[in-house]
Amino acid sequence: GIPAVLAAFAGALTLGWLAHLPPLAEYSLMGHTLAVMPVKLTVGLLILGFVAMELSPAMAAWRFDARLLPVGGCVSGFFGGLSGNQGAFRSMFLLKTGLSKEQFIATGVVLAVIVDLARMPVYGVAFFKSGPPVDLTLVVVACLAAFAGSFLAARLLKKLTIRSLQVIVGTLLILVAFGMITGVL
């Protein structure tokens, strides 16, 4: 947990640095000016990388020794701080340690909360220092969407296989990643 927390700070600081860089390119599409931003390009490419690893059959065969858990913590924490996608790396390492299903879930939840608590102050300072005022409507809609997604997932999860869930989530993440990379999102 400690390597993940420390690396999450570094990832969040990197995100803050990337967010202040100028656009790499600008173009027009259907009357709208779009910009390819370094931060969105970076996060979009990371998402594509995570999806490729998650859907790769070769990835399922990887095995990690418990001695590598601190490395996994650093990797997952950094990418968690940078893009919020630490779960892919954390799961990759934890799944290979022989934890029971209950231990895996409990460990993953605790580590996710700790990493999130580590990166939120960094995001908050960066946002409130240079960002626009908080759009409470957007926050409420995002929270309701997250709740609705969790509620729906709890109902559908019993009917889906892990593989079909991976493909659905992977496909949606690919769409988001391409939107970010191209400046559409």
Protein backbone atom coordinates (compact mmCIF):
# COMPACT_ATOMS: atom_id res chain seq x y z
CA GLY A 1 0.00 0.00 0.00
CA ILE A 2 2.74 2.50 0.90
CA PRO A 3 4.53 2.33 -2.49
CA ALA A 4 1.15 2.86 -4.21
CA VAL A 5 0.36 5.93 -2.10
CA LEU A 6 3.76 7.53 -2.69
CA ALA A 7 3.61 6.81 -6.41
CA ALA A 8 0.03 8.17 -6.56
CA PHE A 9 1.34 11.56 -5.43
CA ALA A 10 3.94 11.47 -8.22
CA GLY A 11 1.30 10.49 -10.78
CA ALA A 12 -1.08 13.24 -9.65
CA LEU A 13 1.72 15.83 -9.82
CA THR A 14 2.58 14.61 -13.33
CA LEU A 15 -1.08 15.00 -14.29
CA GLY A 16 -1.05 18.57 -12.98
CA TRP A 17 2.07 19.34 -15.01
CA LEU A 18 0.59 17.82 -18.20
CA ALA A 19 -2.66 19.74 -17.72
CA HIS A 20 -0.84 23.06 -18.04
CA LEU A 21 0.90 22.29 -21.34
CA PRO A 22 -0.40 23.96 -24.53
CA PRO A 23 -2.26 22.00 -27.21
CA LEU A 24 -0.17 19.79 -29.48
CA ALA A 25 -2.50 20.39 -32.42
CA GLU A 26 -5.77 22.10 -33.26
CA TYR A 27 -8.19 21.29 -36.05
CA SER A 28 -11.78 21.89 -37.12
CA LEU A 29 -14.42 19.20 -37.34
CA MET A 30 -18.00 19.96 -38.36
CA GLY A 31 -17.66 23.60 -37.40
CA HIS A 32 -15.99 22.95 -34.03
CA THR A 33 -12.39 23.70 -33.19
CA LEU A 34 -10.85 20.72 -31.41
CA ALA A 35 -7.51 20.53 -29.64
CA VAL A 36 -5.21 17.59 -28.96
CA MET A 37 -4.09 18.25 -25.39
CA PRO A 38 -1.01 16.54 -23.90
CA VAL A 39 -2.89 15.45 -20.78
CA LYS A 40 -5.77 13.89 -22.74
CA LEU A 41 -3.39 12.29 -25.23
CA THR A 42 -1.40 10.74 -22.36
CA VAL A 43 -4.45 9.47 -20.48
CA GLY A 44 -6.05 8.21 -23.71
CA LEU A 45 -2.92 6.26 -24.64
CA LEU A 46 -2.74 4.83 -21.11
CA ILE A 47 -6.35 3.70 -21.35
CA LEU A 48 -5.64 2.00 -24.69
CA GLY A 49 -2.62 0.27 -23.14
CA PHE A 50 -4.62 -0.92 -20.14
CA VAL A 51 -7.40 -2.24 -22.38
CA ALA A 52 -4.91 -4.07 -24.60
CA MET A 53 -3.33 -5.69 -21.55
CA GLU A 54 -6.69 -6.55 -19.99
CA LEU A 55 -8.00 -8.20 -23.16
CA SER A 56 -4.74 -9.94 -24.07
CA PRO A 57 -4.78 -13.73 -23.67
CA ALA A 58 -1.02 -13.60 -23.08
CA MET A 59 -1.61 -11.38 -20.04
CA ALA A 60 -3.64 -14.11 -18.35
CA ALA A 61 -0.58 -16.37 -18.39
CA TRP A 62 1.68 -13.87 -16.60
CA ARG A 63 2.76 -14.81 -13.08
CA PHE A 64 4.30 -12.54 -10.46
CA ASP A 65 6.22 -13.42 -7.34
CA ALA A 66 5.01 -11.80 -4.10
CA ARG A 67 8.39 -10.04 -3.93
CA LEU A 68 7.24 -7.88 -6.85
CA LEU A 69 4.22 -6.48 -4.99
CA PRO A 70 6.03 -3.21 -4.10
CA VAL A 71 6.83 -2.76 -7.80
CA GLY A 72 3.19 -3.42 -8.62
CA GLY A 73 2.21 -0.87 -5.97
CA CYS A 74 4.47 1.76 -7.52
CA VAL A 75 3.20 1.10 -11.03
CA SER A 76 -0.49 1.00 -10.08
CA GLY A 77 -0.18 3.99 -7.74
CA PHE A 78 1.58 6.15 -10.33
CA PHE A 79 -0.95 5.37 -13.06
CA GLY A 80 -3.76 5.77 -10.54
CA GLY A 81 -2.52 9.24 -9.73
CA LEU A 82 -1.97 10.08 -13.39
CA SER A 83 -5.14 8.68 -14.91
CA GLY A 84 -7.28 6.96 -12.28
CA ASN A 85 -6.64 3.59 -13.93
CA GLN A 86 -4.65 1.91 -11.21
CA GLY A 87 -7.03 -1.04 -10.94
CA ALA A 88 -5.68 -2.83 -14.00
CA PHE A 89 -2.12 -2.98 -12.70
CA ARG A 90 -3.12 -3.62 -9.09
CA SER A 91 -5.33 -6.52 -10.14
CA MET A 92 -2.62 -7.88 -12.40
CA PHE A 93 -0.24 -8.18 -9.44
CA LEU A 94 -2.75 -9.19 -6.76
CA LEU A 95 -4.32 -11.93 -8.88
CA LYS A 96 -0.97 -13.64 -9.18
CA THR A 97 -0.29 -13.81 -5.41
CA GLY A 98 -2.64 -16.62 -4.49
CA LEU A 99 -5.07 -14.51 -2.44
CA SER A 100 -8.56 -15.91 -1.94
CA LYS A 101 -11.39 -14.17 -3.79
CA GLU A 102 -12.43 -12.41 -0.58
CA GLN A 103 -8.86 -11.33 0.23
CA PHE A 104 -8.36 -10.10 -3.33
CA ILE A 105 -11.51 -7.95 -3.24
CA ALA A 106 -10.83 -6.60 0.26
CA THR A 107 -7.20 -5.79 -0.53
CA GLY A 108 -8.16 -4.12 -3.81
CA VAL A 109 -10.84 -1.97 -2.17
CA VAL A 110 -8.58 -0.85 0.68
CA LEU A 111 -5.73 0.01 -1.70
CA ALA A 112 -8.08 1.88 -4.06
CA VAL A 113 -9.39 4.02 -1.20
CA ILE A 114 -5.88 4.75 0.10
CA VAL A 115 -4.57 5.69 -3.35
CA ASP A 116 -7.63 7.87 -4.01
CA LEU A 117 -7.17 9.65 -0.68
CA ALA A 118 -3.54 10.30 -1.60
CA ARG A 119 -4.26 11.81 -5.00
CA MET A 120 -7.39 13.85 -4.24
CA PRO A 121 -5.59 16.64 -2.33
CA VAL A 122 -3.16 17.07 -5.23
CA TYR A 123 -6.03 17.26 -7.71
CA GLY A 124 -7.94 19.64 -5.44
CA VAL A 125 -5.08 22.10 -5.08
CA ALA A 126 -4.38 22.07 -8.82
CA PHE A 127 -8.07 22.43 -9.71
CA PHE A 128 -8.97 25.20 -7.29
CA LYS A 129 -5.76 27.11 -8.00
CA SER A 130 -6.25 27.37 -11.75
CA GLY A 131 -9.53 25.76 -12.69
CA PRO A 132 -13.01 27.16 -13.21
CA PRO A 133 -15.59 27.11 -10.40
CA VAL A 134 -17.03 23.70 -9.60
CA ASP A 135 -20.09 22.85 -11.69
CA LEU A 136 -22.30 21.25 -9.03
CA THR A 137 -24.79 20.04 -11.63
CA LEU A 138 -22.01 18.11 -13.35
CA VAL A 139 -20.86 16.65 -10.01
CA VAL A 140 -24.40 15.55 -9.12
CA VAL A 141 -25.00 14.03 -12.57
CA ALA A 142 -21.65 12.20 -12.42
CA CYS A 143 -22.46 10.82 -8.94
CA LEU A 144 -25.92 9.72 -10.05
CA ALA A 145 -24.47 8.08 -13.16
CA ALA A 146 -21.89 6.25 -11.04
CA PHE A 147 -24.62 5.04 -8.68
CA ALA A 148 -26.87 3.99 -11.57
CA GLY A 149 -23.98 2.14 -13.19
CA SER A 150 -23.15 0.33 -9.96
CA PHE A 151 -26.81 -0.51 -9.36
CA LEU A 152 -27.27 -1.83 -12.89
CA ALA A 153 -23.99 -3.75 -12.76
CA ALA A 154 -25.03 -5.46 -9.53
CA ARG A 155 -28.19 -6.69 -11.28
CA LEU A 156 -26.52 -7.75 -14.54
CA LEU A 157 -23.29 -9.13 -13.12
CA LYS A 158 -24.82 -12.53 -12.39
CA LYS A 159 -25.86 -12.85 -16.03
CA LEU A 160 -22.53 -11.89 -17.60
CA THR A 161 -19.34 -13.85 -17.88
CA ILE A 162 -16.10 -12.18 -16.83
CA ARG A 163 -14.93 -12.25 -20.44
CA SER A 164 -18.08 -10.56 -21.80
CA LEU A 165 -17.79 -7.92 -19.09
CA GLN A 166 -14.14 -7.33 -20.03
CA VAL A 167 -15.08 -6.94 -23.70
CA ILE A 168 -17.96 -4.52 -22.98
CA VAL A 169 -15.89 -2.35 -20.64
CA GLY A 170 -12.88 -2.57 -22.96
CA THR A 171 -14.91 -1.44 -25.96
CA LEU A 172 -16.34 1.54 -24.09
CA LEU A 173 -12.90 2.48 -22.80
CA ILE A 174 -11.49 2.33 -26.35
CA LEU A 175 -14.19 4.78 -27.49
CA VAL A 176 -13.38 7.14 -24.60
CA ALA A 177 -9.63 6.82 -25.26
CA PHE A 178 -9.99 7.70 -28.95
CA GLY A 179 -12.23 10.62 -28.02
CA MET A 180 -9.58 11.93 -25.64
CA ILE A 181 -6.67 11.34 -28.02
CA THR A 182 -8.37 13.14 -30.89
CA GLY A 183 -9.64 16.04 -28.77
CA VAL A 184 -13.31 15.18 -29.26
CA LEU A 185 -13.75 14.65 -25.51
